[in-house]
Amino acid sequence: MLIFSLALAPALALGMFMYFKDKYKREPLQWLALAFVLGCVSILFAFVIELLFNEIFAFDIKENFWLLFIFSFGVVALTEESCKFAFLRIFFYRKKFFSEPINGIIYSVMLSLGFAFAESVLYLLASENIFSTAIVRSLTAVPAHFVFAVFMGHFMGLARFTFARRRTLLVFTGFISAVFVHGLYDFFLLAYWMPLGFNSISFLVLLVGIIISLFLIKKSQKYSPYVRRKKWLKDLEDAKHTSFKEKLAEKKESLKQKFHKKK
């Protein structure tokens, strides 16, 4: 129970953060929960594929930059992002409730957080010090999966509401950008034999990724069709309110005049 709680806490925190970023038309909790569960399931596919790659090619990445590059980008990043992409594309992309561009980020993030949660459980089960492992993962791996998801989800959200000829390019851009950032992060992180300065570039990649992700979230919010609708409703309410105040002032003035005439 403790392991599940430690693994769930950072995923839940980022999930809540993303939920409240969905300003105009929040997604039903049951669909968000489904995305999270499917993210947990997707790790099984990724695990099997990565295991097959390791069995076939017997990757020994120690002190070998080229093998590390292939392993980081072509095995880990490509496999994991492909699994998450497939679940996003099959279960959420074409649904009616996918009603604004930011939904691409919302469902992509929930899938990735489910993936990160399941991955954290596996790491914690194998760890001798679960608390230190939980802290490290909550500050690195879980936010990293969040970043990869935002990159993919932003472009998937745009693709859902654009012209057909641009759709494929945007979907491809989202997928490749997620794979690239994921691969870059893993490449520097797994180069453990290098000096500390080289290895710590992965944290710089994560920090820059978080900054860009926040920008993409804000950008997706602006593309929502509900922004204009909300503004229109606000203007309508303001107009009604102003009209009411004017009528009230006229009524008061009329009563004053009648009162003075009686005098």
Protein backbone atom coordinates (compact mmCIF):
# COMPACT_ATOMS: atom_id res chain seq x y z
CA MET A 1 0.00 0.00 0.00
CA LEU A 2 2.86 2.36 0.84
CA ILE A 3 4.54 1.71 -2.50
CA PHE A 4 1.32 2.42 -4.39
CA SER A 5 0.81 5.65 -2.43
CA LEU A 6 4.36 6.85 -3.08
CA ALA A 7 4.05 6.04 -6.77
CA LEU A 8 0.61 7.61 -7.08
CA ALA A 9 1.32 10.91 -5.28
CA PRO A 10 3.37 12.73 -8.00
CA ALA A 11 1.16 11.38 -10.79
CA LEU A 12 -1.96 12.53 -8.96
CA ALA A 13 -0.45 15.98 -8.30
CA LEU A 14 0.39 16.53 -11.97
CA GLY A 15 -2.99 15.11 -13.01
CA MET A 16 -4.78 17.62 -10.77
CA PHE A 17 -2.62 20.42 -12.14
CA MET A 18 -3.61 19.48 -15.68
CA TYR A 19 -7.27 19.05 -14.73
CA PHE A 20 -7.51 22.65 -13.49
CA LYS A 21 -5.71 23.90 -16.60
CA ASP A 22 -8.74 22.73 -18.57
CA LYS A 23 -10.52 26.01 -17.92
CA TYR A 24 -13.50 26.15 -20.22
CA LYS A 25 -15.02 22.66 -20.49
CA ARG A 26 -13.53 20.15 -18.09
CA GLU A 27 -13.39 16.52 -19.11
CA PRO A 28 -15.53 13.91 -17.33
CA LEU A 29 -13.59 12.25 -14.52
CA GLN A 30 -14.50 8.77 -15.75
CA TRP A 31 -12.74 9.39 -19.07
CA LEU A 32 -9.68 10.79 -17.31
CA ALA A 33 -9.60 7.75 -15.04
CA LEU A 34 -9.88 5.48 -18.09
CA ALA A 35 -6.93 7.26 -19.71
CA PHE A 36 -4.87 6.75 -16.55
CA VAL A 37 -5.72 3.04 -16.38
CA LEU A 38 -4.94 2.57 -20.08
CA GLY A 39 -1.61 4.28 -19.47
CA CYS A 40 -0.89 1.64 -16.83
CA VAL A 41 -1.82 -1.06 -19.34
CA SER A 42 0.36 0.43 -22.08
CA ILE A 43 3.52 -0.21 -20.06
CA LEU A 44 2.95 -3.95 -20.50
CA PHE A 45 3.23 -3.60 -24.29
CA ALA A 46 6.29 -1.36 -23.95
CA PHE A 47 7.93 -3.79 -21.52
CA VAL A 48 7.45 -6.79 -23.84
CA ILE A 49 8.76 -4.92 -26.91
CA GLU A 50 11.81 -3.58 -25.05
CA LEU A 51 12.51 -7.05 -23.68
CA LEU A 52 12.42 -8.51 -27.20
CA PHE A 53 14.80 -5.82 -28.47
CA ASN A 54 17.22 -6.55 -25.65
CA GLU A 55 17.04 -10.29 -26.29
CA ILE A 56 17.61 -9.93 -30.03
CA PHE A 57 20.29 -7.22 -30.05
CA ALA A 58 21.78 -7.73 -26.56
CA PHE A 59 22.43 -4.01 -26.03
CA ASP A 60 25.47 -3.30 -23.88
CA ILE A 61 25.38 0.47 -23.61
CA LYS A 62 28.28 0.77 -21.19
CA GLU A 63 30.82 3.27 -22.57
CA ASN A 64 29.42 3.02 -26.09
CA PHE A 65 27.85 6.25 -27.32
CA TRP A 66 26.37 4.83 -30.51
CA LEU A 67 24.66 1.93 -28.79
CA LEU A 68 23.44 4.29 -26.08
CA PHE A 69 22.04 6.60 -28.77
CA ILE A 70 20.24 3.73 -30.53
CA PHE A 71 18.96 2.34 -27.23
CA SER A 72 17.73 5.72 -25.92
CA PHE A 73 16.04 6.94 -29.10
CA GLY A 74 15.29 3.79 -31.09
CA VAL A 75 14.32 1.39 -28.32
CA VAL A 76 13.15 3.12 -25.13
CA ALA A 77 11.77 6.43 -26.44
CA LEU A 78 10.31 5.04 -29.68
CA THR A 79 8.71 2.03 -27.99
CA GLU A 80 7.19 3.84 -25.01
CA GLU A 81 5.90 6.83 -26.99
CA SER A 82 4.49 4.52 -29.68
CA CYS A 83 2.49 2.62 -27.07
CA LYS A 84 1.13 5.82 -25.53
CA PHE A 85 0.41 7.28 -28.98
CA ALA A 86 -1.51 4.16 -30.03
CA PHE A 87 -3.77 4.31 -26.96
CA LEU A 88 -4.35 8.05 -27.43
CA ARG A 89 -5.16 7.61 -31.12
CA ILE A 90 -7.44 4.59 -30.68
CA PHE A 91 -9.38 5.43 -27.52
CA PHE A 92 -9.61 9.24 -27.38
CA TYR A 93 -8.63 11.09 -30.55
CA ARG A 94 -11.87 10.54 -32.49
CA LYS A 95 -14.34 10.71 -29.61
CA LYS A 96 -17.08 13.35 -29.38
CA PHE A 97 -15.92 14.51 -25.95
CA PHE A 98 -12.58 15.49 -27.55
CA SER A 99 -14.05 18.95 -28.11
CA GLU A 100 -11.12 21.42 -27.94
CA PRO A 101 -7.37 21.39 -28.71
CA ILE A 102 -6.27 21.21 -25.06
CA ASN A 103 -8.02 17.84 -24.79
CA GLY A 104 -5.08 16.41 -26.73
CA ILE A 105 -2.79 17.44 -23.88
CA ILE A 106 -5.26 16.37 -21.19
CA TYR A 107 -5.65 12.78 -22.40
CA SER A 108 -2.02 12.44 -23.47
CA VAL A 109 -0.90 13.56 -20.00
CA MET A 110 -3.30 11.21 -18.19
CA LEU A 111 -2.09 8.27 -20.29
CA SER A 112 1.54 9.17 -19.58
CA LEU A 113 0.92 9.62 -15.86
CA GLY A 114 -0.66 6.16 -15.76
CA PHE A 115 2.43 4.84 -17.54
CA ALA A 116 4.74 6.68 -15.11
CA PHE A 117 2.75 5.40 -12.11
CA ALA A 118 3.05 1.77 -13.22
CA GLU A 119 6.75 2.28 -13.97
CA SER A 120 7.29 3.81 -10.52
CA VAL A 121 5.60 0.83 -8.85
CA LEU A 122 8.02 -1.52 -10.63
CA TYR A 123 11.03 0.57 -9.63
CA LEU A 124 9.89 0.83 -6.01
CA LEU A 125 9.26 -2.90 -5.77
CA ALA A 126 12.85 -3.51 -6.90
CA SER A 127 14.36 -0.78 -4.71
CA GLU A 128 16.09 -1.27 -1.37
CA ASN A 129 15.29 2.30 -0.33
CA ILE A 130 11.79 3.07 -1.55
CA PHE A 131 11.66 6.59 -0.10
CA SER A 132 14.76 7.88 -1.89
CA THR A 133 13.67 6.18 -5.12
CA ALA A 134 10.19 7.70 -4.79
CA ILE A 135 11.62 11.19 -4.24
CA VAL A 136 14.01 10.92 -7.20
CA ARG A 137 11.29 9.66 -9.53
CA SER A 138 8.80 12.30 -8.38
CA LEU A 139 11.33 15.00 -9.33
CA THR A 140 12.61 13.45 -12.56
CA ALA A 141 10.88 10.54 -14.32
CA VAL A 142 7.26 11.48 -13.59
CA PRO A 143 7.63 15.16 -14.66
CA ALA A 144 9.59 13.92 -17.69
CA HIS A 145 6.69 11.72 -18.81
CA PHE A 146 4.43 14.73 -18.27
CA VAL A 147 6.63 16.80 -20.60
CA PHE A 148 6.71 14.14 -23.33
CA ALA A 149 2.91 13.92 -23.14
CA VAL A 150 2.41 17.68 -23.50
CA PHE A 151 4.57 17.76 -26.65
CA MET A 152 2.59 14.93 -28.22
CA GLY A 153 -0.82 16.08 -26.99
CA HIS A 154 -0.43 19.69 -28.12
CA PHE A 155 0.06 18.74 -31.76
CA MET A 156 -2.55 15.97 -31.59
CA GLY A 157 -5.04 18.51 -30.28
CA LEU A 158 -4.25 20.92 -33.10
CA ALA A 159 -4.52 18.12 -35.66
CA ARG A 160 -8.00 17.19 -34.46
CA PHE A 161 -9.35 20.64 -35.35
CA THR A 162 -7.48 21.55 -38.52
CA PHE A 163 -7.68 20.91 -42.26
CA ALA A 164 -7.19 17.33 -43.43
CA ARG A 165 -4.05 18.14 -45.42
CA ARG A 166 -2.30 19.47 -42.29
CA ARG A 167 -3.58 16.78 -39.95
CA THR A 168 -1.04 14.08 -40.77
CA LEU A 169 1.88 16.50 -40.47
CA LEU A 170 0.73 17.73 -37.06
CA VAL A 171 0.18 14.20 -35.73
CA PHE A 172 3.63 13.20 -36.99
CA THR A 173 5.19 16.32 -35.45
CA GLY A 174 3.62 15.54 -32.07
CA PHE A 175 4.82 11.95 -32.11
CA ILE A 176 8.36 12.75 -33.27
CA SER A 177 8.77 15.65 -30.83
CA ALA A 178 7.78 13.37 -27.92
CA VAL A 179 10.20 10.66 -29.08
CA PHE A 180 12.99 13.21 -29.57
CA VAL A 181 12.66 14.84 -26.13
CA HIS A 182 12.28 11.43 -24.46
CA GLY A 183 15.32 10.06 -26.26
CA LEU A 184 17.40 13.14 -25.48
CA TYR A 185 16.50 12.96 -21.79
CA ASP A 186 17.31 9.23 -21.56
CA PHE A 187 20.53 9.59 -23.57
CA PHE A 188 22.11 12.00 -21.10
CA LEU A 189 20.59 10.27 -18.07
CA LEU A 190 21.91 6.82 -18.99
CA ALA A 191 25.45 8.01 -19.75
CA TYR A 192 26.37 7.23 -16.15
CA TRP A 193 30.07 6.57 -16.94
CA MET A 194 30.59 10.17 -18.05
CA PRO A 195 31.56 13.06 -15.74
CA LEU A 196 28.75 14.52 -13.63
CA GLY A 197 28.42 17.63 -15.82
CA PHE A 198 27.53 15.56 -18.89
CA ASN A 199 25.10 13.34 -17.02
CA SER A 200 23.29 16.31 -15.48
CA ILE A 201 22.37 17.70 -18.93
CA SER A 202 19.31 15.45 -18.65
CA PHE A 203 18.01 17.75 -15.89
CA LEU A 204 18.56 20.76 -18.14
CA VAL A 205 16.56 18.97 -20.86
CA LEU A 206 13.80 18.36 -18.31
CA LEU A 207 13.79 21.98 -17.10
CA VAL A 208 13.62 23.40 -20.63
CA GLY A 209 10.94 20.83 -21.45
CA ILE A 210 8.82 21.95 -18.48
CA ILE A 211 9.08 25.61 -19.55
CA ILE A 212 8.08 24.78 -23.13
CA SER A 213 5.26 22.54 -21.86
CA LEU A 214 3.75 25.36 -19.79
CA PHE A 215 3.89 27.57 -22.88
CA LEU A 216 2.18 24.91 -25.03
CA ILE A 217 -0.56 24.41 -22.42
CA LYS A 218 -1.26 28.15 -22.37
CA LYS A 219 -1.24 28.24 -26.16
CA SER A 220 -3.71 25.35 -26.37
CA GLN A 221 -6.03 27.14 -23.95
CA LYS A 222 -6.19 30.13 -26.31
CA TYR A 223 -7.22 27.88 -29.21
CA SER A 224 -10.33 26.69 -27.36
CA PRO A 225 -13.62 27.48 -29.14
CA TYR A 226 -15.09 28.14 -25.70
CA VAL A 227 -12.87 31.21 -25.14
CA ARG A 228 -14.87 33.33 -27.58
CA ARG A 229 -18.14 31.88 -26.32
CA LYS A 230 -17.26 32.67 -22.71
CA LYS A 231 -16.29 36.23 -23.65
CA TRP A 232 -19.55 36.65 -25.58
CA LEU A 233 -21.59 35.43 -22.60
CA LYS A 234 -19.69 37.76 -20.28
CA ASP A 235 -20.33 40.71 -22.60
CA LEU A 236 -24.00 39.75 -22.74
CA GLU A 237 -24.24 39.58 -18.95
CA ASP A 238 -22.43 42.91 -18.63
CA ALA A 239 -24.82 44.46 -21.13
CA LYS A 240 -27.83 43.14 -19.23
CA HIS A 241 -26.38 44.33 -15.96
CA THR A 242 -25.68 47.79 -17.37
CA SER A 243 -29.17 48.01 -18.83
CA PHE A 244 -30.68 47.02 -15.49
CA LYS A 245 -28.64 49.64 -13.65
CA GLU A 246 -29.70 52.32 -16.12
CA LYS A 247 -33.36 51.37 -15.76
CA LEU A 248 -33.03 51.37 -11.99
CA ALA A 249 -31.48 54.85 -12.07
CA GLU A 250 -34.28 56.09 -14.34
CA LYS A 251 -36.88 54.65 -11.99
CA LYS A 252 -35.28 56.36 -9.00
CA GLU A 253 -35.16 59.67 -10.85
CA SER A 254 -38.82 59.30 -11.85
CA LEU A 255 -39.85 58.63 -8.24
CA LYS A 256 -37.87 61.65 -7.07
CA GLN A 257 -39.62 63.90 -9.58
CA LYS A 258 -43.04 62.60 -8.53
CA PHE A 259 -42.18 63.16 -4.89
CA HIS A 260 -41.10 66.77 -5.55
CA LYS A 261 -44.26 67.48 -7.56
CA LYS A 262 -46.45 66.29 -4.69
CA LYS A 263 -44.63 68.72 -2.42
